Amino acid sequence: MGNQGYSVPDEAPKVPRGGWTDHIFGPAIKQILCSYIEEPNPDTIEDILRDPNTQDYVFSCKGDFYFCNCLSDGTFLVLEPKGKAALWEQMDEDISKVRLRDLYPDV
């Protein structure tokens, strides 16, 4: 019978190992993450991952990805790799190789 045009779950990038979770997040967390990158529209926040051990978040907004630590207020733009699948894969293999730029280095 085949998959009759339905998407196969293995096609979607898997959540990186190491404690990251992609449970659905409500509007409140989107509003908080918006404030870290000075984005006025919480509906633009997507692809949210959270590490419950460190309070680190990874999320996308308008095609860019960000790392944010809600405890330290550190906020970083992901420079490389580009794209969700490549970023998830690199985080799974070796998160230290993700290239970041500190958005607020003087804070």
PDB file of N, CA and C in Angstrom:
ATOM      1  N   MET A   1       0.801  -1.184   0.000  1.00  0.00           N
ATOM      2  CA  MET A   1       0.000   0.000   0.000  1.00  0.00           C
ATOM      3  C   MET A   1       0.855   1.264   0.000  1.00  0.00           C
ATOM      4  N   GLY A   2       2.090   1.221   0.557  1.00  0.00           N
ATOM      5  CA  GLY A   2       2.928   2.410   0.561  1.00  0.00           C
ATOM      6  C   GLY A   2       2.432   3.434   1.562  1.00  0.00           C
ATOM      7  N   ASN A   3       3.062   4.608   1.506  1.00  0.00           N
ATOM      8  CA  ASN A   3       2.649   5.630   2.458  1.00  0.00           C
ATOM      9  C   ASN A   3       1.585   6.558   1.888  1.00  0.00           C
ATOM     10  N   GLN A   4       1.183   6.315   0.638  1.00  0.00           N
ATOM     11  CA  GLN A   4       0.097   7.029  -0.024  1.00  0.00           C
ATOM     12  C   GLN A   4       0.195   8.546   0.112  1.00  0.00           C
ATOM     13  N   GLY A   5       1.425   9.073  -0.002  1.00  0.00           N
ATOM     14  CA  GLY A   5       1.596  10.518  -0.002  1.00  0.00           C
ATOM     15  C   GLY A   5       1.726  11.154   1.363  1.00  0.00           C
ATOM     16  N   TYR A   6       1.600  10.365   2.415  1.00  0.00           N
ATOM     17  CA  TYR A   6       1.762  10.930   3.748  1.00  0.00           C
ATOM     18  C   TYR A   6       3.245  11.101   4.055  1.00  0.00           C
ATOM     19  N   SER A   7       3.583  12.127   4.834  1.00  0.00           N
ATOM     20  CA  SER A   7       4.989  12.327   5.162  1.00  0.00           C
ATOM     21  C   SER A   7       5.441  11.240   6.132  1.00  0.00           C
ATOM     22  N   VAL A   8       6.690  10.880   5.996  1.00  0.00           N
ATOM     23  CA  VAL A   8       7.286   9.866   6.848  1.00  0.00           C
ATOM     24  C   VAL A   8       7.938  10.578   8.027  1.00  0.00           C
ATOM     25  N   PRO A   9       7.665  10.160   9.266  1.00  0.00           N
ATOM     26  CA  PRO A   9       8.214  10.843  10.431  1.00  0.00           C
ATOM     27  C   PRO A   9       9.726  10.996  10.403  1.00  0.00           C
ATOM     28  N   ASP A  10      10.468  10.061   9.801  1.00  0.00           N
ATOM     29  CA  ASP A  10      11.922  10.152   9.762  1.00  0.00           C
ATOM     30  C   ASP A  10      12.412  11.322   8.917  1.00  0.00           C
ATOM     31  N   GLU A  11      11.543  11.944   8.124  1.00  0.00           N
ATOM     32  CA  GLU A  11      11.952  13.063   7.283  1.00  0.00           C
ATOM     33  C   GLU A  11      12.174  14.333   8.107  1.00  0.00           C
ATOM     34  N   ALA A  12      11.519  14.462   9.235  1.00  0.00           N
ATOM     35  CA  ALA A  12      11.648  15.651  10.073  1.00  0.00           C
ATOM     36  C   ALA A  12      12.904  15.539  10.917  1.00  0.00           C
ATOM     37  N   PRO A  13      13.612  16.675  11.121  1.00  0.00           N
ATOM     38  CA  PRO A  13      14.798  16.627  11.984  1.00  0.00           C
ATOM     39  C   PRO A  13      14.415  16.192  13.387  1.00  0.00           C
ATOM     40  N   LYS A  14      15.218  15.313  13.951  1.00  0.00           N
ATOM     41  CA  LYS A  14      14.970  14.853  15.302  1.00  0.00           C
ATOM     42  C   LYS A  14      15.532  15.865  16.294  1.00  0.00           C
ATOM     43  N   VAL A  15      14.956  15.931  17.475  1.00  0.00           N
ATOM     44  CA  VAL A  15      15.450  16.813  18.523  1.00  0.00           C
ATOM     45  C   VAL A  15      16.834  16.327  18.942  1.00  0.00           C
ATOM     46  N   PRO A  16      17.802  17.249  19.088  1.00  0.00           N
ATOM     47  CA  PRO A  16      19.143  16.834  19.512  1.00  0.00           C
ATOM     48  C   PRO A  16      19.121  16.149  20.870  1.00  0.00           C
ATOM     49  N   ARG A  17      20.067  15.223  21.063  1.00  0.00           N
ATOM     50  CA  ARG A  17      20.199  14.551  22.355  1.00  0.00           C
ATOM     51  C   ARG A  17      20.747  15.526  23.389  1.00  0.00           C
ATOM     52  N   GLY A  18      20.846  15.084  24.620  1.00  0.00           N
ATOM     53  CA  GLY A  18      21.450  15.893  25.659  1.00  0.00           C
ATOM     54  C   GLY A  18      20.439  16.622  26.525  1.00  0.00           C
ATOM     55  N   GLY A  19      19.182  16.192  26.485  1.00  0.00           N
ATOM     56  CA  GLY A  19      18.185  16.787  27.345  1.00  0.00           C
ATOM     57  C   GLY A  19      17.270  17.793  26.662  1.00  0.00           C
ATOM     58  N   TRP A  20      17.546  18.148  25.409  1.00  0.00           N
ATOM     59  CA  TRP A  20      16.705  19.117  24.702  1.00  0.00           C
ATOM     60  C   TRP A  20      15.301  18.561  24.535  1.00  0.00           C
ATOM     61  N   THR A  21      14.327  19.413  24.672  1.00  0.00           N
ATOM     62  CA  THR A  21      12.939  19.014  24.474  1.00  0.00           C
ATOM     63  C   THR A  21      12.258  20.012  23.542  1.00  0.00           C
ATOM     64  N   ASP A  22      11.317  19.523  22.773  1.00  0.00           N
ATOM     65  CA  ASP A  22      10.569  20.398  21.865  1.00  0.00           C
ATOM     66  C   ASP A  22       9.078  20.378  22.203  1.00  0.00           C
ATOM     67  N   HIS A  23       8.767  20.180  23.481  1.00  0.00           N
ATOM     68  CA  HIS A  23       7.356  20.222  23.884  1.00  0.00           C
ATOM     69  C   HIS A  23       6.758  21.554  23.445  1.00  0.00           C
ATOM     70  N   ILE A  24       5.500  21.542  23.140  1.00  0.00           N
ATOM     71  CA  ILE A  24       4.832  22.750  22.655  1.00  0.00           C
ATOM     72  C   ILE A  24       4.843  23.815  23.750  1.00  0.00           C
ATOM     73  N   PHE A  25       5.222  25.019  23.349  1.00  0.00           N
ATOM     74  CA  PHE A  25       5.316  26.127  24.289  1.00  0.00           C
ATOM     75  C   PHE A  25       4.201  27.120  24.026  1.00  0.00           C
ATOM     76  N   GLY A  26       3.673  27.706  25.071  1.00  0.00           N
ATOM     77  CA  GLY A  26       2.577  28.653  24.958  1.00  0.00           C
ATOM     78  C   GLY A  26       3.038  30.056  24.638  1.00  0.00           C
ATOM     79  N   PRO A  27       2.085  30.958  24.513  1.00  0.00           N
ATOM     80  CA  PRO A  27       2.371  32.352  24.153  1.00  0.00           C
ATOM     81  C   PRO A  27       3.291  33.063  25.129  1.00  0.00           C
ATOM     82  N   ALA A  28       3.256  32.701  26.404  1.00  0.00           N
ATOM     83  CA  ALA A  28       4.085  33.406  27.391  1.00  0.00           C
ATOM     84  C   ALA A  28       5.568  33.243  27.092  1.00  0.00           C
ATOM     85  N   ILE A  29       6.014  32.024  26.783  1.00  0.00           N
ATOM     86  CA  ILE A  29       7.441  31.827  26.501  1.00  0.00           C
ATOM     87  C   ILE A  29       7.828  32.514  25.199  1.00  0.00           C
ATOM     88  N   LYS A  30       6.929  32.534  24.226  1.00  0.00           N
ATOM     89  CA  LYS A  30       7.223  33.245  22.979  1.00  0.00           C
ATOM     90  C   LYS A  30       7.413  34.736  23.242  1.00  0.00           C
ATOM     91  N   GLN A  31       6.597  35.293  24.113  1.00  0.00           N
ATOM     92  CA  GLN A  31       6.729  36.712  24.452  1.00  0.00           C
ATOM     93  C   GLN A  31       8.064  36.976  25.151  1.00  0.00           C
ATOM     94  N   ILE A  32       8.457  36.095  26.051  1.00  0.00           N
ATOM     95  CA  ILE A  32       9.739  36.239  26.756  1.00  0.00           C
ATOM     96  C   ILE A  32      10.896  36.163  25.771  1.00  0.00           C
ATOM     97  N   LEU A  33      10.868  35.171  24.876  1.00  0.00           N
ATOM     98  CA  LEU A  33      11.953  35.027  23.903  1.00  0.00           C
ATOM     99  C   LEU A  33      12.013  36.223  22.962  1.00  0.00           C
ATOM    100  N   CYS A  34      10.854  36.773  22.601  1.00  0.00           N
ATOM    101  CA  CYS A  34      10.820  37.982  21.766  1.00  0.00           C
ATOM    102  C   CYS A  34      11.587  39.122  22.423  1.00  0.00           C
ATOM    103  N   SER A  35      11.423  39.256  23.722  1.00  0.00           N
ATOM    104  CA  SER A  35      12.074  40.370  24.415  1.00  0.00           C
ATOM    105  C   SER A  35      13.591  40.253  24.369  1.00  0.00           C
ATOM    106  N   TYR A  36      14.121  39.040  24.306  1.00  0.00           N
ATOM    107  CA  TYR A  36      15.572  38.853  24.254  1.00  0.00           C
ATOM    108  C   TYR A  36      16.171  39.315  22.933  1.00  0.00           C
ATOM    109  N   ILE A  37      15.390  39.245  21.859  1.00  0.00           N
ATOM    110  CA  ILE A  37      15.922  39.646  20.545  1.00  0.00           C
ATOM    111  C   ILE A  37      15.246  40.906  20.011  1.00  0.00           C
ATOM    112  N   GLU A  38      14.481  41.553  20.867  1.00  0.00           N
ATOM    113  CA  GLU A  38      13.797  42.801  20.516  1.00  0.00           C
ATOM    114  C   GLU A  38      12.893  42.653  19.298  1.00  0.00           C
ATOM    115  N   GLU A  39      12.148  41.553  19.282  1.00  0.00           N
ATOM    116  CA  GLU A  39      11.176  41.262  18.220  1.00  0.00           C
ATOM    117  C   GLU A  39       9.788  41.566  18.770  1.00  0.00           C
ATOM    118  N   PRO A  40       9.030  42.440  18.110  1.00  0.00           N
ATOM    119  CA  PRO A  40       7.722  42.816  18.649  1.00  0.00           C
ATOM    120  C   PRO A  40       6.620  41.769  18.487  1.00  0.00           C
ATOM    121  N   ASN A  41       6.770  40.829  17.561  1.00  0.00           N
ATOM    122  CA  ASN A  41       5.689  39.899  17.248  1.00  0.00           C
ATOM    123  C   ASN A  41       6.008  38.478  17.722  1.00  0.00           C
ATOM    124  N   PRO A  42       5.399  38.012  18.803  1.00  0.00           N
ATOM    125  CA  PRO A  42       5.684  36.668  19.298  1.00  0.00           C
ATOM    126  C   PRO A  42       5.303  35.553  18.325  1.00  0.00           C
ATOM    127  N   ASP A  43       4.429  35.835  17.374  1.00  0.00           N
ATOM    128  CA  ASP A  43       4.046  34.820  16.397  1.00  0.00           C
ATOM    129  C   ASP A  43       5.182  34.461  15.445  1.00  0.00           C
ATOM    130  N   THR A  44       6.267  35.240  15.440  1.00  0.00           N
ATOM    131  CA  THR A  44       7.411  34.943  14.574  1.00  0.00           C
ATOM    132  C   THR A  44       8.389  33.966  15.222  1.00  0.00           C
ATOM    133  N   ILE A  45       8.180  33.643  16.489  1.00  0.00           N
ATOM    134  CA  ILE A  45       9.058  32.703  17.203  1.00  0.00           C
ATOM    135  C   ILE A  45       8.612  31.282  16.885  1.00  0.00           C
ATOM    136  N   GLU A  46       9.552  30.459  16.406  1.00  0.00           N
ATOM    137  CA  GLU A  46       9.254  29.078  16.013  1.00  0.00           C
ATOM    138  C   GLU A  46      10.392  28.158  16.449  1.00  0.00           C
ATOM    139  N   ASP A  47      10.231  26.863  16.215  1.00  0.00           N
ATOM    140  CA  ASP A  47      11.281  25.856  16.406  1.00  0.00           C
ATOM    141  C   ASP A  47      11.916  25.944  17.790  1.00  0.00           C
ATOM    142  N   ILE A  48      11.113  26.041  18.828  1.00  0.00           N
ATOM    143  CA  ILE A  48      11.644  26.225  20.179  1.00  0.00           C
ATOM    144  C   ILE A  48      12.116  24.896  20.762  1.00  0.00           C
ATOM    145  N   LEU A  49      13.359  24.905  21.247  1.00  0.00           N
ATOM    146  CA  LEU A  49      13.910  23.797  22.018  1.00  0.00           C
ATOM    147  C   LEU A  49      14.317  24.348  23.377  1.00  0.00           C
ATOM    148  N   ARG A  50      14.237  23.507  24.399  1.00  0.00           N
ATOM    149  CA  ARG A  50      14.655  23.936  25.732  1.00  0.00           C
ATOM    150  C   ARG A  50      15.463  22.833  26.397  1.00  0.00           C
ATOM    151  N   ASP A  51      16.534  23.219  27.055  1.00  0.00           N
ATOM    152  CA  ASP A  51      17.298  22.302  27.883  1.00  0.00           C
ATOM    153  C   ASP A  51      16.897  22.570  29.325  1.00  0.00           C
ATOM    154  N   PRO A  52      16.137  21.672  29.940  1.00  0.00           N
ATOM    155  CA  PRO A  52      15.624  21.933  31.284  1.00  0.00           C
ATOM    156  C   PRO A  52      16.710  22.007  32.356  1.00  0.00           C
ATOM    157  N   ASN A  53      17.881  21.469  32.083  1.00  0.00           N
ATOM    158  CA  ASN A  53      18.965  21.493  33.065  1.00  0.00           C
ATOM    159  C   ASN A  53      19.657  22.845  33.141  1.00  0.00           C
ATOM    160  N   THR A  54      19.693  23.574  32.036  1.00  0.00           N
ATOM    161  CA  THR A  54      20.447  24.834  31.997  1.00  0.00           C
ATOM    162  C   THR A  54      19.572  26.050  31.733  1.00  0.00           C
ATOM    163  N   GLN A  55      18.308  25.848  31.443  1.00  0.00           N
ATOM    164  CA  GLN A  55      17.398  26.926  31.033  1.00  0.00           C
ATOM    165  C   GLN A  55      17.847  27.594  29.740  1.00  0.00           C
ATOM    166  N   ASP A  56      18.584  26.860  28.898  1.00  0.00           N
ATOM    167  CA  ASP A  56      18.935  27.337  27.562  1.00  0.00           C
ATOM    168  C   ASP A  56      17.770  27.081  26.625  1.00  0.00           C
ATOM    169  N   TYR A  57      17.554  28.030  25.741  1.00  0.00           N
ATOM    170  CA  TYR A  57      16.549  27.898  24.693  1.00  0.00           C
ATOM    171  C   TYR A  57      17.231  28.081  23.346  1.00  0.00           C
ATOM    172  N   VAL A  58      16.768  27.364  22.364  1.00  0.00           N
ATOM    173  CA  VAL A  58      17.130  27.575  20.966  1.00  0.00           C
ATOM    174  C   VAL A  58      15.819  27.806  20.254  1.00  0.00           C
ATOM    175  N   PHE A  59      15.782  28.814  19.387  1.00  0.00           N
ATOM    176  CA  PHE A  59      14.553  29.103  18.668  1.00  0.00           C
ATOM    177  C   PHE A  59      14.873  29.843  17.392  1.00  0.00           C
ATOM    178  N   SER A  60      13.899  29.885  16.492  1.00  0.00           N
ATOM    179  CA  SER A  60      14.072  30.619  15.247  1.00  0.00           C
ATOM    180  C   SER A  60      13.107  31.793  15.216  1.00  0.00           C
ATOM    181  N   CYS A  61      13.511  32.799  14.465  1.00  0.00           N
ATOM    182  CA  CYS A  61      12.681  33.972  14.238  1.00  0.00           C
ATOM    183  C   CYS A  61      13.045  34.530  12.877  1.00  0.00           C
ATOM    184  N   LYS A  62      12.082  34.515  11.963  1.00  0.00           N
ATOM    185  CA  LYS A  62      12.269  35.066  10.624  1.00  0.00           C
ATOM    186  C   LYS A  62      13.511  34.505   9.918  1.00  0.00           C
ATOM    187  N   GLY A  63      13.735  33.201  10.087  1.00  0.00           N
ATOM    188  CA  GLY A  63      14.815  32.525   9.380  1.00  0.00           C
ATOM    189  C   GLY A  63      16.137  32.456  10.115  1.00  0.00           C
ATOM    190  N   ASP A  64      16.303  33.219  11.185  1.00  0.00           N
ATOM    191  CA  ASP A  64      17.532  33.160  11.981  1.00  0.00           C
ATOM    192  C   ASP A  64      17.281  32.316  13.222  1.00  0.00           C
ATOM    193  N   PHE A  65      18.355  31.690  13.717  1.00  0.00           N
ATOM    194  CA  PHE A  65      18.272  30.906  14.937  1.00  0.00           C
ATOM    195  C   PHE A  65      19.050  31.602  16.043  1.00  0.00           C
ATOM    196  N   TYR A  66      18.578  31.413  17.273  1.00  0.00           N
ATOM    197  CA  TYR A  66      19.164  32.060  18.443  1.00  0.00           C
ATOM    198  C   TYR A  66      19.308  31.061  19.579  1.00  0.00           C
ATOM    199  N   PHE A  67      20.346  31.265  20.399  1.00  0.00           N
ATOM    200  CA  PHE A  67      20.497  30.594  21.678  1.00  0.00           C
ATOM    201  C   PHE A  67      20.250  31.641  22.739  1.00  0.00           C
ATOM    202  N   CYS A  68      19.555  31.280  23.786  1.00  0.00           N
ATOM    203  CA  CYS A  68      19.246  32.217  24.851  1.00  0.00           C
ATOM    204  C   CYS A  68      19.282  31.474  26.177  1.00  0.00           C
ATOM    205  N   ASN A  69      19.930  32.067  27.185  1.00  0.00           N
ATOM    206  CA  ASN A  69      19.899  31.508  28.529  1.00  0.00           C
ATOM    207  C   ASN A  69      19.128  32.461  29.412  1.00  0.00           C
ATOM    208  N   CYS A  70      17.988  32.016  29.890  1.00  0.00           N
ATOM    209  CA  CYS A  70      17.105  32.880  30.677  1.00  0.00           C
ATOM    210  C   CYS A  70      17.656  33.177  32.061  1.00  0.00           C
ATOM    211  N   LEU A  71      18.617  32.400  32.541  1.00  0.00           N
ATOM    212  CA  LEU A  71      19.201  32.675  33.852  1.00  0.00           C
ATOM    213  C   LEU A  71      20.264  33.765  33.773  1.00  0.00           C
ATOM    214  N   SER A  72      21.088  33.728  32.725  1.00  0.00           N
ATOM    215  CA  SER A  72      22.185  34.696  32.608  1.00  0.00           C
ATOM    216  C   SER A  72      21.849  35.857  31.675  1.00  0.00           C
ATOM    217  N   ASP A  73      20.717  35.780  30.980  1.00  0.00           N
ATOM    218  CA  ASP A  73      20.326  36.761  29.961  1.00  0.00           C
ATOM    219  C   ASP A  73      21.268  36.776  28.762  1.00  0.00           C
ATOM    220  N   GLY A  74      22.082  35.739  28.586  1.00  0.00           N
ATOM    221  CA  GLY A  74      22.934  35.646  27.405  1.00  0.00           C
ATOM    222  C   GLY A  74      22.101  35.319  26.178  1.00  0.00           C
ATOM    223  N   THR A  75      22.301  36.085  25.101  1.00  0.00           N
ATOM    224  CA  THR A  75      21.549  35.879  23.864  1.00  0.00           C
ATOM    225  C   THR A  75      22.518  35.883  22.700  1.00  0.00           C
ATOM    226  N   PHE A  76      22.447  34.851  21.864  1.00  0.00           N
ATOM    227  CA  PHE A  76      23.404  34.666  20.784  1.00  0.00           C
ATOM    228  C   PHE A  76      22.697  34.349  19.477  1.00  0.00           C
ATOM    229  N   LEU A  77      23.172  34.946  18.398  1.00  0.00           N
ATOM    230  CA  LEU A  77      22.717  34.637  17.045  1.00  0.00           C
ATOM    231  C   LEU A  77      23.558  33.480  16.532  1.00  0.00           C
ATOM    232  N   VAL A  78      22.921  32.472  15.958  1.00  0.00           N
ATOM    233  CA  VAL A  78      23.639  31.345  15.364  1.00  0.00           C
ATOM    234  C   VAL A  78      24.155  31.781  13.996  1.00  0.00           C
ATOM    235  N   LEU A  79      25.477  31.721  13.814  1.00  0.00           N
ATOM    236  CA  LEU A  79      26.092  32.061  12.532  1.00  0.00           C
ATOM    237  C   LEU A  79      26.211  30.835  11.635  1.00  0.00           C
ATOM    238  N   GLU A  80      26.608  29.720  12.193  1.00  0.00           N
ATOM    239  CA  GLU A  80      26.743  28.453  11.461  1.00  0.00           C
ATOM    240  C   GLU A  80      26.503  27.314  12.423  1.00  0.00           C
ATOM    241  N   PRO A  81      25.863  26.281  11.971  1.00  0.00           N
ATOM    242  CA  PRO A  81      25.332  26.017  10.645  1.00  0.00           C
ATOM    243  C   PRO A  81      24.011  26.745  10.409  1.00  0.00           C
ATOM    244  N   LYS A  82      23.657  26.850   9.159  1.00  0.00           N
ATOM    245  CA  LYS A  82      22.402  27.497   8.767  1.00  0.00           C
ATOM    246  C   LYS A  82      21.313  26.449   8.588  1.00  0.00           C
ATOM    247  N   GLY A  83      20.116  26.789   8.988  1.00  0.00           N
ATOM    248  CA  GLY A  83      18.968  25.904   8.784  1.00  0.00           C
ATOM    249  C   GLY A  83      18.738  24.968   9.952  1.00  0.00           C
ATOM    250  N   LYS A  84      17.495  24.647  10.153  1.00  0.00           N
ATOM    251  CA  LYS A  84      17.078  23.825  11.283  1.00  0.00           C
ATOM    252  C   LYS A  84      17.728  22.444  11.285  1.00  0.00           C
ATOM    253  N   ALA A  85      17.643  21.730  10.173  1.00  0.00           N
ATOM    254  CA  ALA A  85      18.177  20.364  10.127  1.00  0.00           C
ATOM    255  C   ALA A  85      19.676  20.354  10.406  1.00  0.00           C
ATOM    256  N   ALA A  86      20.416  21.269   9.792  1.00  0.00           N
ATOM    257  CA  ALA A  86      21.870  21.319   9.997  1.00  0.00           C
ATOM    258  C   ALA A  86      22.212  21.710  11.437  1.00  0.00           C
ATOM    259  N   LEU A  87      21.462  22.655  12.010  1.00  0.00           N
ATOM    260  CA  LEU A  87      21.716  23.069  13.388  1.00  0.00           C
ATOM    261  C   LEU A  87      21.411  21.935  14.357  1.00  0.00           C
ATOM    262  N   TRP A  88      20.260  21.279  14.195  1.00  0.00           N
ATOM    263  CA  TRP A  88      19.903  20.174  15.088  1.00  0.00           C
ATOM    264  C   TRP A  88      20.973  19.083  15.014  1.00  0.00           C
ATOM    265  N   GLU A  89      21.440  18.786  13.785  1.00  0.00           N
ATOM    266  CA  GLU A  89      22.459  17.750  13.602  1.00  0.00           C
ATOM    267  C   GLU A  89      23.757  18.133  14.310  1.00  0.00           C
ATOM    268  N   GLN A  90      24.192  19.382  14.149  1.00  0.00           N
ATOM    269  CA  GLN A  90      25.436  19.825  14.786  1.00  0.00           C
ATOM    270  C   GLN A  90      25.297  19.830  16.314  1.00  0.00           C
ATOM    271  N   MET A  91      24.144  20.242  16.814  1.00  0.00           N
ATOM    272  CA  MET A  91      23.914  20.211  18.258  1.00  0.00           C
ATOM    273  C   MET A  91      23.983  18.786  18.782  1.00  0.00           C
ATOM    274  N   ASP A  92      23.500  17.842  17.996  1.00  0.00           N
ATOM    275  CA  ASP A  92      23.505  16.437  18.382  1.00  0.00           C
ATOM    276  C   ASP A  92      24.925  15.887  18.393  1.00  0.00           C
ATOM    277  N   GLU A  93      25.734  16.287  17.392  1.00  0.00           N
ATOM    278  CA  GLU A  93      27.101  15.773  17.272  1.00  0.00           C
ATOM    279  C   GLU A  93      28.053  16.449  18.253  1.00  0.00           C
ATOM    280  N   ASP A  94      28.099  17.789  18.228  1.00  0.00           N
ATOM    281  CA  ASP A  94      29.025  18.541  19.089  1.00  0.00           C
ATOM    282  C   ASP A  94      28.566  19.993  19.135  1.00  0.00           C
ATOM    283  N   ILE A  95      27.823  20.323  20.182  1.00  0.00           N
ATOM    284  CA  ILE A  95      27.239  21.660  20.284  1.00  0.00           C
ATOM    285  C   ILE A  95      28.302  22.753  20.354  1.00  0.00           C
ATOM    286  N   SER A  96      29.500  22.421  20.816  1.00  0.00           N
ATOM    287  CA  SER A  96      30.558  23.434  20.925  1.00  0.00           C
ATOM    288  C   SER A  96      31.030  23.936  19.563  1.00  0.00           C
ATOM    289  N   LYS A  97      30.691  23.240  18.496  1.00  0.00           N
ATOM    290  CA  LYS A  97      31.095  23.666  17.148  1.00  0.00           C
ATOM    291  C   LYS A  97      30.077  24.576  16.469  1.00  0.00           C
ATOM    292  N   VAL A  98      28.968  24.874  17.157  1.00  0.00           N
ATOM    293  CA  VAL A  98      27.994  25.833  16.633  1.00  0.00           C
ATOM    294  C   VAL A  98      28.612  27.222  16.793  1.00  0.00           C
ATOM    295  N   ARG A  99      28.715  27.971  15.694  1.00  0.00           N
ATOM    296  CA  ARG A  99      29.293  29.324  15.737  1.00  0.00           C
ATOM    297  C   ARG A  99      28.215  30.327  16.119  1.00  0.00           C
ATOM    298  N   LEU A 100      28.521  31.141  17.132  1.00  0.00           N
ATOM    299  CA  LEU A 100      27.561  32.096  17.666  1.00  0.00           C
ATOM    300  C   LEU A 100      28.150  33.500  17.698  1.00  0.00           C
ATOM    301  N   ARG A 101      27.263  34.499  17.690  1.00  0.00           N
ATOM    302  CA  ARG A 101      27.660  35.890  17.927  1.00  0.00           C
ATOM    303  C   ARG A 101      26.835  36.420  19.087  1.00  0.00           C
ATOM    304  N   ASP A 102      27.517  36.938  20.084  1.00  0.00           N
ATOM    305  CA  ASP A 102      26.852  37.511  21.250  1.00  0.00           C
ATOM    306  C   ASP A 102      26.121  38.775  20.814  1.00  0.00           C
ATOM    307  N   LEU A 103      24.813  38.820  21.031  1.00  0.00           N
ATOM    308  CA  LEU A 103      24.032  39.991  20.618  1.00  0.00           C
ATOM    309  C   LEU A 103      24.215  41.177  21.552  1.00  0.00           C
ATOM    310  N   TYR A 104      24.593  40.916  22.788  1.00  0.00           N
ATOM    311  CA  TYR A 104      24.752  41.991  23.765  1.00  0.00           C
ATOM    312  C   TYR A 104      26.058  41.785  24.551  1.00  0.00           C
ATOM    313  N   PRO A 105      27.206  41.946  23.884  1.00  0.00           N
ATOM    314  CA  PRO A 105      28.485  41.627  24.541  1.00  0.00           C
ATOM    315  C   PRO A 105      28.830  42.514  25.733  1.00  0.00           C
ATOM    316  N   ASP A 106      28.266  43.704  25.811  1.00  0.00           N
ATOM    317  CA  ASP A 106      28.612  44.617  26.888  1.00  0.00           C
ATOM    318  C   ASP A 106      27.695  44.515  28.086  1.00  0.00           C
ATOM    319  N   VAL A 107      26.749  43.584  28.039  1.00  0.00           N
ATOM    320  CA  VAL A 107      25.782  43.480  29.144  1.00  0.00           C
ATOM    321  C   VAL A 107      26.292  42.489  30.158  1.00  0.00           C
TER     322      VAL A 107
END
